[in-house]
Amino acid sequence: MKTYTYLEFKTLMYNADVAILQRFGWDNEGNRLKIDGDLGPKTKGATYYAPEQAGQILVSVALAEVVLGAQERPLGRNSGPWVAKYYLQPEKDTANLGAWCAAFTGWCVRRAYGDTAPYSWGARRMHRRTASWEHGKLVPLDEAQPGDLILWSRDSAGPAYGHIGIVIGEDAEHVYTVEGNAGPHVRLYRYEKRHDLRMPKDPCLGICRITHPDA
């Protein structure tokens, strides 16, 4: 994947506001954001990959939603046109529809692979249905690659809860994802393979690979 410079990014998103730039790891002067201890885990940076350079259809779909500025409206309410779209209920754009990470992931999967692809409002169910799909399979955590679904436990919230996202890239030390409902915006995250993905509290439960012919 191509890693974009700040100037290339600004050219691509000429009308991006500061909040959107920050979601891609930049400040409004073109400096990379760094973890300073003041904002905690929300300052985790991420490398930005343009959708047209992704080289993987599910990654392209997910990144396009970030570029478009997908978010809750009002923020923090699990509601708004974007959330309703992911729930496949656009007419409920003013309702609080609940946690939407799985709805976002499922919407992206169907957008990429068609209406017969797995879909669920629950993170664990979405992961399970994709793994049991004819075009899905489980793979070891250390083999994550772009287009995989990644599932975390949410044991701190209860044994039935989970959180799911889409892997967009990886390197020797990190896994990069796009996630919905990890905050009010669809955004990018970076996780350390040796630490973040194996935390005893809310650990990563697994990776599911989609083997669809278009993947």
Protein backbone atom coordinates (compact mmCIF):
# COMPACT_ATOMS: atom_id res chain seq x y z
CA MET A 1 0.00 0.00 0.00
CA LYS A 2 1.09 3.55 -0.65
CA THR A 3 1.75 5.68 2.43
CA TYR A 4 0.62 9.23 1.76
CA THR A 5 2.51 12.36 2.78
CA TYR A 6 0.66 15.20 4.46
CA LEU A 7 0.58 17.29 1.27
CA GLU A 8 -0.74 14.37 -0.76
CA PHE A 9 -3.35 13.74 1.90
CA LYS A 10 -4.45 17.38 1.92
CA THR A 11 -4.72 17.28 -1.87
CA LEU A 12 -6.89 14.17 -1.67
CA MET A 13 -9.05 15.65 1.10
CA TYR A 14 -8.88 19.35 0.26
CA ASN A 15 -11.76 20.21 2.57
CA ALA A 16 -10.67 18.08 5.55
CA ASP A 17 -11.14 19.72 8.92
CA VAL A 18 -8.78 19.30 11.85
CA ALA A 19 -10.83 16.50 13.42
CA ILE A 20 -10.57 14.41 10.26
CA LEU A 21 -6.85 15.12 9.91
CA GLN A 22 -6.31 14.01 13.50
CA ARG A 23 -8.06 10.72 12.80
CA PHE A 24 -5.36 10.09 10.21
CA GLY A 25 -2.55 10.99 12.60
CA TRP A 26 -1.81 14.61 11.52
CA ASP A 27 -2.23 18.00 13.13
CA ASN A 28 -3.39 21.03 11.14
CA GLU A 29 0.22 22.11 10.43
CA GLY A 30 1.27 18.84 8.84
CA ASN A 31 3.04 17.34 11.85
CA ARG A 32 2.57 13.73 12.85
CA LEU A 33 0.67 13.33 16.11
CA LYS A 34 2.64 11.66 18.88
CA ILE A 35 1.52 10.02 22.09
CA ASP A 36 2.15 12.64 24.76
CA GLY A 37 0.36 11.11 27.73
CA ASP A 38 -2.36 13.75 27.81
CA LEU A 39 -5.00 12.08 25.66
CA GLY A 40 -4.20 8.46 26.45
CA PRO A 41 -4.99 5.69 23.98
CA LYS A 42 -7.00 7.95 21.69
CA THR A 43 -3.70 9.43 20.43
CA LYS A 44 -2.69 6.13 18.86
CA GLY A 45 -1.59 7.09 15.37
CA ALA A 46 -2.20 5.24 12.16
CA THR A 47 -0.70 5.28 8.71
CA TYR A 48 -3.14 6.52 6.10
CA TYR A 49 -3.74 4.45 2.99
CA ALA A 50 -5.84 5.92 0.19
CA PRO A 51 -8.76 3.71 -0.89
CA GLU A 52 -7.65 3.59 -4.51
CA GLN A 53 -4.23 2.31 -3.38
CA ALA A 54 -5.51 -0.33 -0.98
CA GLY A 55 -5.34 -3.28 -3.36
CA GLN A 56 -8.00 -5.16 -1.41
CA ILE A 57 -11.71 -4.57 -1.96
CA LEU A 58 -12.88 -4.69 1.68
CA VAL A 59 -10.08 -2.34 2.74
CA SER A 60 -11.04 0.06 -0.04
CA VAL A 61 -14.68 0.08 1.08
CA ALA A 62 -13.78 0.67 4.74
CA LEU A 63 -11.26 3.41 4.02
CA ALA A 64 -13.71 5.18 1.74
CA GLU A 65 -16.07 5.55 4.72
CA VAL A 66 -13.29 7.19 6.72
CA VAL A 67 -12.50 9.57 3.87
CA LEU A 68 -16.18 10.53 3.71
CA GLY A 69 -16.14 11.39 7.42
CA ALA A 70 -18.52 8.69 8.68
CA GLN A 71 -19.61 9.45 12.24
CA GLU A 72 -22.38 9.43 14.80
CA ARG A 73 -24.76 12.39 14.78
CA PRO A 74 -24.95 13.74 17.36
CA LEU A 75 -21.60 12.45 18.57
CA GLY A 76 -21.78 9.87 21.32
CA ARG A 77 -25.40 8.84 20.64
CA ASN A 78 -25.06 5.75 18.38
CA SER A 79 -27.32 7.49 15.92
CA GLY A 80 -27.43 9.50 12.73
CA PRO A 81 -27.52 8.76 9.00
CA TRP A 82 -24.23 6.86 8.95
CA VAL A 83 -25.15 4.54 11.83
CA ALA A 84 -28.63 3.95 10.38
CA LYS A 85 -27.05 3.10 7.02
CA TYR A 86 -24.78 0.51 8.63
CA TYR A 87 -27.79 -0.99 10.41
CA LEU A 88 -29.55 -1.22 7.03
CA GLN A 89 -32.31 0.95 8.49
CA PRO A 90 -31.78 4.39 6.92
CA GLU A 91 -35.24 5.52 7.98
CA LYS A 92 -34.12 5.34 11.65
CA ASP A 93 -31.50 8.05 11.34
CA THR A 94 -32.58 9.76 14.55
CA ALA A 95 -32.79 6.63 16.73
CA ASN A 96 -30.14 5.37 19.15
CA LEU A 97 -29.47 2.01 17.51
CA GLY A 98 -26.82 0.83 19.96
CA ALA A 99 -23.22 -0.24 19.47
CA TRP A 100 -22.51 -0.28 15.74
CA CYS A 101 -19.03 -1.78 15.22
CA ALA A 102 -20.49 -5.02 13.82
CA ALA A 103 -23.09 -3.19 11.73
CA PHE A 104 -20.30 -1.13 10.18
CA THR A 105 -18.14 -4.19 9.54
CA GLY A 106 -21.05 -6.17 8.12
CA TRP A 107 -22.11 -3.28 5.89
CA CYS A 108 -18.58 -3.07 4.49
CA VAL A 109 -18.44 -6.83 3.92
CA ARG A 110 -21.74 -6.76 2.01
CA ARG A 111 -20.69 -3.69 0.08
CA ALA A 112 -17.54 -5.52 -0.98
CA TYR A 113 -18.93 -9.01 -1.60
CA GLY A 114 -22.66 -8.68 -2.16
CA ASP A 115 -25.90 -9.05 -0.23
CA THR A 116 -25.39 -12.78 0.43
CA ALA A 117 -22.25 -12.08 2.48
CA PRO A 118 -22.46 -12.42 6.30
CA TYR A 119 -24.02 -9.63 8.30
CA SER A 120 -24.87 -9.16 11.97
CA TRP A 121 -25.36 -6.42 14.53
CA GLY A 122 -23.31 -8.42 17.06
CA ALA A 123 -19.51 -8.51 16.91
CA ARG A 124 -19.11 -12.13 17.97
CA ARG A 125 -21.91 -13.26 15.66
CA MET A 126 -20.45 -11.32 12.75
CA HIS A 127 -17.07 -12.97 13.27
CA ARG A 128 -18.62 -16.43 13.72
CA ARG A 129 -20.86 -16.14 10.67
CA THR A 130 -17.97 -14.99 8.51
CA ALA A 131 -15.76 -17.83 9.73
CA SER A 132 -18.45 -20.38 8.89
CA TRP A 133 -19.22 -18.79 5.50
CA GLU A 134 -18.07 -20.71 2.44
CA HIS A 135 -15.67 -17.86 1.76
CA GLY A 136 -14.36 -17.48 5.31
CA LYS A 137 -11.84 -19.20 7.58
CA LEU A 138 -10.04 -18.59 10.86
CA VAL A 139 -6.32 -17.80 10.74
CA PRO A 140 -3.67 -17.38 13.48
CA LEU A 141 -3.37 -13.97 15.08
CA ASP A 142 0.19 -13.58 13.82
CA GLU A 143 -0.95 -13.97 10.20
CA ALA A 144 -3.29 -10.97 9.98
CA GLN A 145 -3.37 -9.33 6.57
CA PRO A 146 -5.43 -6.62 4.82
CA GLY A 147 -9.08 -7.57 4.44
CA ASP A 148 -9.22 -9.80 7.54
CA LEU A 149 -11.82 -9.27 10.28
CA ILE A 150 -10.41 -8.91 13.78
CA LEU A 151 -12.43 -9.61 16.93
CA TRP A 152 -11.81 -8.51 20.51
CA SER A 153 -13.45 -9.63 23.70
CA ARG A 154 -15.27 -7.07 25.79
CA ASP A 155 -15.16 -9.10 28.97
CA SER A 156 -15.07 -5.90 31.00
CA ALA A 157 -18.60 -5.21 29.70
CA GLY A 158 -19.82 -8.81 29.94
CA PRO A 159 -19.01 -12.19 28.38
CA ALA A 160 -21.47 -11.75 25.50
CA TYR A 161 -19.92 -8.51 24.28
CA GLY A 162 -17.23 -8.04 21.67
CA HIS A 163 -15.75 -5.53 19.27
CA ILE A 164 -14.87 -6.10 15.61
CA GLY A 165 -12.91 -4.23 12.96
CA ILE A 166 -11.23 -4.62 9.59
CA VAL A 167 -7.48 -5.09 9.17
CA ILE A 168 -6.09 -2.67 6.58
CA GLY A 169 -2.38 -3.37 6.96
CA GLU A 170 0.39 -4.86 9.06
CA ASP A 171 4.14 -4.70 9.51
CA ALA A 172 6.67 -6.42 11.74
CA GLU A 173 5.39 -4.71 14.88
CA HIS A 174 1.87 -3.45 14.23
CA VAL A 175 -1.56 -4.25 12.91
CA TYR A 176 -3.55 -1.37 11.39
CA THR A 177 -7.34 -1.38 11.39
CA VAL A 178 -10.47 0.58 10.47
CA GLU A 179 -13.19 0.40 13.12
CA GLY A 180 -16.59 1.84 13.78
CA ASN A 181 -17.90 2.62 17.28
CA ALA A 182 -14.48 2.56 18.94
CA GLY A 183 -15.33 6.26 19.19
CA PRO A 184 -17.91 8.47 17.50
CA HIS A 185 -16.12 8.33 14.14
CA VAL A 186 -15.11 5.56 11.76
CA ARG A 187 -11.34 5.82 12.08
CA LEU A 188 -7.98 4.13 11.84
CA TYR A 189 -6.13 2.45 14.71
CA ARG A 190 -2.69 0.96 15.22
CA TYR A 191 -2.00 -1.92 17.61
CA GLU A 192 1.25 -3.44 18.78
CA LYS A 193 1.32 -7.13 17.97
CA ARG A 194 3.37 -8.05 21.04
CA HIS A 195 1.26 -6.11 23.51
CA ASP A 196 -2.06 -4.56 22.47
CA LEU A 197 -3.43 -7.64 20.70
CA ARG A 198 -2.68 -9.87 23.69
CA MET A 199 -3.83 -7.77 26.60
CA PRO A 200 -5.41 -9.93 29.34
CA LYS A 201 -8.27 -7.44 29.65
CA ASP A 202 -10.46 -7.44 26.53
CA PRO A 203 -8.00 -9.57 24.52
CA CYS A 204 -8.07 -10.19 20.79
CA LEU A 205 -10.10 -13.36 20.21
CA GLY A 206 -9.20 -14.12 16.62
CA ILE A 207 -8.75 -13.28 12.98
CA CYS A 208 -11.15 -14.31 10.21
CA ARG A 209 -10.03 -14.27 6.58
CA ILE A 210 -12.40 -13.82 3.68
CA THR A 211 -11.44 -16.00 0.74
CA HIS A 212 -14.03 -14.69 -1.70
CA PRO A 213 -12.80 -14.67 -5.34
CA ASP A 214 -12.95 -10.86 -5.29
CA ALA A 215 -10.89 -10.56 -2.10
